[in-house]
């Protein structure tokens, strides 16, 4: 889940959810809700990746072959 990965990155970057929320220009409550629902747009994930100095890779993988599209 994306939320779990974000939480791990916050620990690795020694950043709080409140600090991340501030940097992506949202409220801590809104970020907390999104983490609870695991509901992020690609744009939001890219903003989070930028703040956390990470590369975001989004891909579709065909189940039959493992080919990424």
N, C-alpha and C. Protein backbone atom coordinates (compact mmCIF):
# COMPACT_ATOMS: atom_id res chain seq x y z
N UNK A 1 0.84 -1.19 0.00
CA UNK A 1 0.00 0.00 0.00
C UNK A 1 0.88 1.24 0.00
N UNK A 2 0.39 2.25 -0.68
CA UNK A 2 1.14 3.50 -0.78
C UNK A 2 1.30 4.15 0.59
N UNK A 3 0.28 4.10 1.40
CA UNK A 3 0.34 4.74 2.72
C UNK A 3 1.46 4.17 3.58
N UNK A 4 1.63 2.86 3.54
CA UNK A 4 2.70 2.22 4.31
C UNK A 4 4.06 2.70 3.83
N UNK A 5 4.21 2.82 2.53
CA UNK A 5 5.48 3.29 1.97
C UNK A 5 5.76 4.73 2.37
N UNK A 6 4.73 5.56 2.38
CA UNK A 6 4.91 6.95 2.80
C UNK A 6 5.33 7.02 4.27
N UNK A 7 4.70 6.22 5.10
CA UNK A 7 5.06 6.20 6.52
C UNK A 7 6.52 5.77 6.73
N UNK A 8 6.95 4.77 5.97
CA UNK A 8 8.35 4.31 6.05
C UNK A 8 9.29 5.43 5.62
N UNK A 9 8.94 6.11 4.53
CA UNK A 9 9.78 7.21 4.05
C UNK A 9 9.85 8.35 5.06
N UNK A 10 8.75 8.63 5.73
CA UNK A 10 8.75 9.68 6.75
C UNK A 10 9.74 9.33 7.86
N UNK A 11 9.76 8.08 8.26
CA UNK A 11 10.71 7.65 9.30
C UNK A 11 12.14 7.79 8.79
N UNK A 12 12.39 7.32 7.57
CA UNK A 12 13.74 7.39 7.01
C UNK A 12 14.22 8.83 6.85
N UNK A 13 13.30 9.73 6.54
CA UNK A 13 13.65 11.14 6.34
C UNK A 13 13.54 11.97 7.63
N UNK A 14 13.16 11.28 8.72
CA UNK A 14 12.99 11.96 10.02
C UNK A 14 12.08 13.18 9.90
N UNK A 15 10.92 12.95 9.29
CA UNK A 15 9.95 14.01 9.06
C UNK A 15 8.61 13.58 9.65
N UNK A 16 7.88 14.52 10.21
CA UNK A 16 6.57 14.22 10.76
C UNK A 16 5.51 14.36 9.67
N UNK A 17 4.34 13.79 9.94
CA UNK A 17 3.23 13.95 9.00
C UNK A 17 2.83 15.41 8.88
N UNK A 18 2.91 16.14 9.98
CA UNK A 18 2.57 17.57 9.94
C UNK A 18 3.53 18.34 9.05
N UNK A 19 4.82 18.00 9.13
CA UNK A 19 5.80 18.67 8.28
C UNK A 19 5.55 18.35 6.81
N UNK A 20 5.26 17.08 6.53
CA UNK A 20 4.96 16.70 5.15
C UNK A 20 3.71 17.42 4.65
N UNK A 21 2.68 17.44 5.46
CA UNK A 21 1.44 18.12 5.07
C UNK A 21 1.72 19.58 4.73
N UNK A 22 2.51 20.24 5.55
CA UNK A 22 2.84 21.64 5.31
C UNK A 22 3.58 21.81 3.98
N UNK A 23 4.51 20.91 3.70
CA UNK A 23 5.32 21.01 2.49
C UNK A 23 4.54 20.71 1.22
N UNK A 24 3.49 19.89 1.32
CA UNK A 24 2.67 19.62 0.13
C UNK A 24 1.40 20.48 0.13
N UNK A 25 1.38 21.45 1.02
CA UNK A 25 0.32 22.46 1.09
C UNK A 25 -1.07 21.85 1.31
N UNK A 26 -1.15 21.00 2.32
CA UNK A 26 -2.43 20.47 2.76
C UNK A 26 -2.44 20.50 4.28
N UNK A 27 -3.56 20.14 4.86
CA UNK A 27 -3.63 20.13 6.31
C UNK A 27 -3.19 18.76 6.84
N UNK A 28 -2.69 18.72 8.06
CA UNK A 28 -2.36 17.42 8.66
C UNK A 28 -3.56 16.48 8.69
N UNK A 29 -4.74 17.02 8.94
CA UNK A 29 -5.96 16.19 8.99
C UNK A 29 -6.25 15.58 7.62
N UNK A 30 -6.12 16.37 6.56
CA UNK A 30 -6.37 15.86 5.21
C UNK A 30 -5.35 14.77 4.86
N UNK A 31 -4.08 14.99 5.18
CA UNK A 31 -3.06 13.99 4.91
C UNK A 31 -3.34 12.72 5.71
N UNK A 32 -3.71 12.87 6.95
CA UNK A 32 -4.03 11.72 7.80
C UNK A 32 -5.20 10.92 7.21
N UNK A 33 -6.22 11.62 6.73
CA UNK A 33 -7.37 10.95 6.11
C UNK A 33 -6.95 10.18 4.86
N UNK A 34 -6.11 10.81 4.04
CA UNK A 34 -5.65 10.15 2.82
C UNK A 34 -4.81 8.92 3.15
N UNK A 35 -3.97 9.02 4.17
CA UNK A 35 -3.18 7.87 4.59
C UNK A 35 -4.08 6.75 5.11
N UNK A 36 -5.12 7.10 5.84
CA UNK A 36 -6.05 6.09 6.37
C UNK A 36 -6.80 5.37 5.25
N UNK A 37 -7.18 6.13 4.23
CA UNK A 37 -7.94 5.55 3.11
C UNK A 37 -7.03 5.01 2.01
N UNK A 38 -5.73 5.32 2.11
CA UNK A 38 -4.77 4.95 1.06
C UNK A 38 -5.28 5.47 -0.29
N UNK A 39 -5.58 6.77 -0.31
CA UNK A 39 -6.24 7.38 -1.45
C UNK A 39 -5.47 8.61 -1.90
N UNK A 40 -4.56 8.43 -2.85
CA UNK A 40 -3.74 9.53 -3.35
C UNK A 40 -3.82 9.58 -4.86
N UNK A 41 -3.87 10.78 -5.41
CA UNK A 41 -3.77 10.93 -6.85
C UNK A 41 -2.30 10.81 -7.24
N UNK A 42 -2.06 10.59 -8.51
CA UNK A 42 -0.68 10.51 -8.98
C UNK A 42 0.03 11.84 -8.74
N UNK A 43 -0.68 12.94 -8.91
CA UNK A 43 -0.10 14.27 -8.67
C UNK A 43 0.32 14.42 -7.21
N UNK A 44 -0.51 13.96 -6.29
CA UNK A 44 -0.18 14.03 -4.87
C UNK A 44 1.01 13.14 -4.54
N UNK A 45 1.05 11.95 -5.13
CA UNK A 45 2.19 11.06 -4.88
C UNK A 45 3.48 11.66 -5.41
N UNK A 46 3.40 12.36 -6.55
CA UNK A 46 4.60 13.00 -7.10
C UNK A 46 5.06 14.13 -6.19
N UNK A 47 4.13 14.89 -5.65
CA UNK A 47 4.49 15.97 -4.72
C UNK A 47 5.15 15.41 -3.47
N UNK A 48 4.62 14.32 -2.96
CA UNK A 48 5.21 13.68 -1.78
C UNK A 48 6.61 13.16 -2.11
N UNK A 49 6.74 12.53 -3.26
CA UNK A 49 8.05 12.03 -3.68
C UNK A 49 9.06 13.17 -3.78
N UNK A 50 8.65 14.29 -4.33
CA UNK A 50 9.55 15.43 -4.46
C UNK A 50 10.02 15.92 -3.09
N UNK A 51 9.09 16.05 -2.16
CA UNK A 51 9.42 16.51 -0.81
C UNK A 51 10.35 15.53 -0.11
N UNK A 52 10.12 14.24 -0.31
CA UNK A 52 10.90 13.21 0.37
C UNK A 52 12.13 12.79 -0.42
N UNK A 53 12.43 13.53 -1.48
CA UNK A 53 13.62 13.28 -2.32
C UNK A 53 13.66 11.84 -2.82
N UNK A 54 12.54 11.44 -3.44
CA UNK A 54 12.42 10.09 -3.97
C UNK A 54 11.96 10.15 -5.43
N UNK A 55 12.21 9.08 -6.13
CA UNK A 55 11.71 8.93 -7.49
C UNK A 55 10.42 8.12 -7.42
N UNK A 56 9.37 8.60 -8.07
CA UNK A 56 8.10 7.90 -8.10
C UNK A 56 8.01 7.11 -9.41
N UNK A 57 7.78 5.81 -9.29
CA UNK A 57 7.59 4.95 -10.45
C UNK A 57 6.18 4.39 -10.41
N UNK A 58 5.39 4.68 -11.44
CA UNK A 58 4.03 4.16 -11.54
C UNK A 58 3.98 3.32 -12.81
N UNK A 59 3.52 2.09 -12.68
CA UNK A 59 3.46 1.21 -13.85
C UNK A 59 2.29 0.24 -13.73
N UNK A 60 1.79 -0.16 -14.87
CA UNK A 60 0.84 -1.26 -14.94
C UNK A 60 1.64 -2.49 -15.34
N UNK A 61 1.39 -3.60 -14.66
CA UNK A 61 2.10 -4.84 -14.97
C UNK A 61 1.09 -5.90 -15.40
N UNK A 62 1.29 -6.45 -16.59
CA UNK A 62 0.43 -7.51 -17.06
C UNK A 62 0.62 -8.74 -16.19
N UNK A 63 -0.46 -9.25 -15.63
CA UNK A 63 -0.37 -10.38 -14.71
C UNK A 63 0.14 -11.65 -15.39
N UNK A 64 -0.24 -11.85 -16.64
CA UNK A 64 0.12 -13.09 -17.33
C UNK A 64 1.63 -13.16 -17.61
N UNK A 65 2.22 -12.03 -17.95
CA UNK A 65 3.60 -12.04 -18.42
C UNK A 65 4.57 -11.31 -17.50
N UNK A 66 4.05 -10.46 -16.62
CA UNK A 66 4.92 -9.64 -15.78
C UNK A 66 5.44 -8.41 -16.51
N UNK A 67 5.00 -8.21 -17.75
CA UNK A 67 5.46 -7.06 -18.54
C UNK A 67 4.88 -5.77 -17.96
N UNK A 68 5.75 -4.79 -17.77
CA UNK A 68 5.29 -3.49 -17.28
C UNK A 68 4.98 -2.58 -18.45
N UNK A 69 3.88 -1.90 -18.33
CA UNK A 69 3.43 -0.96 -19.38
C UNK A 69 3.57 0.45 -18.84
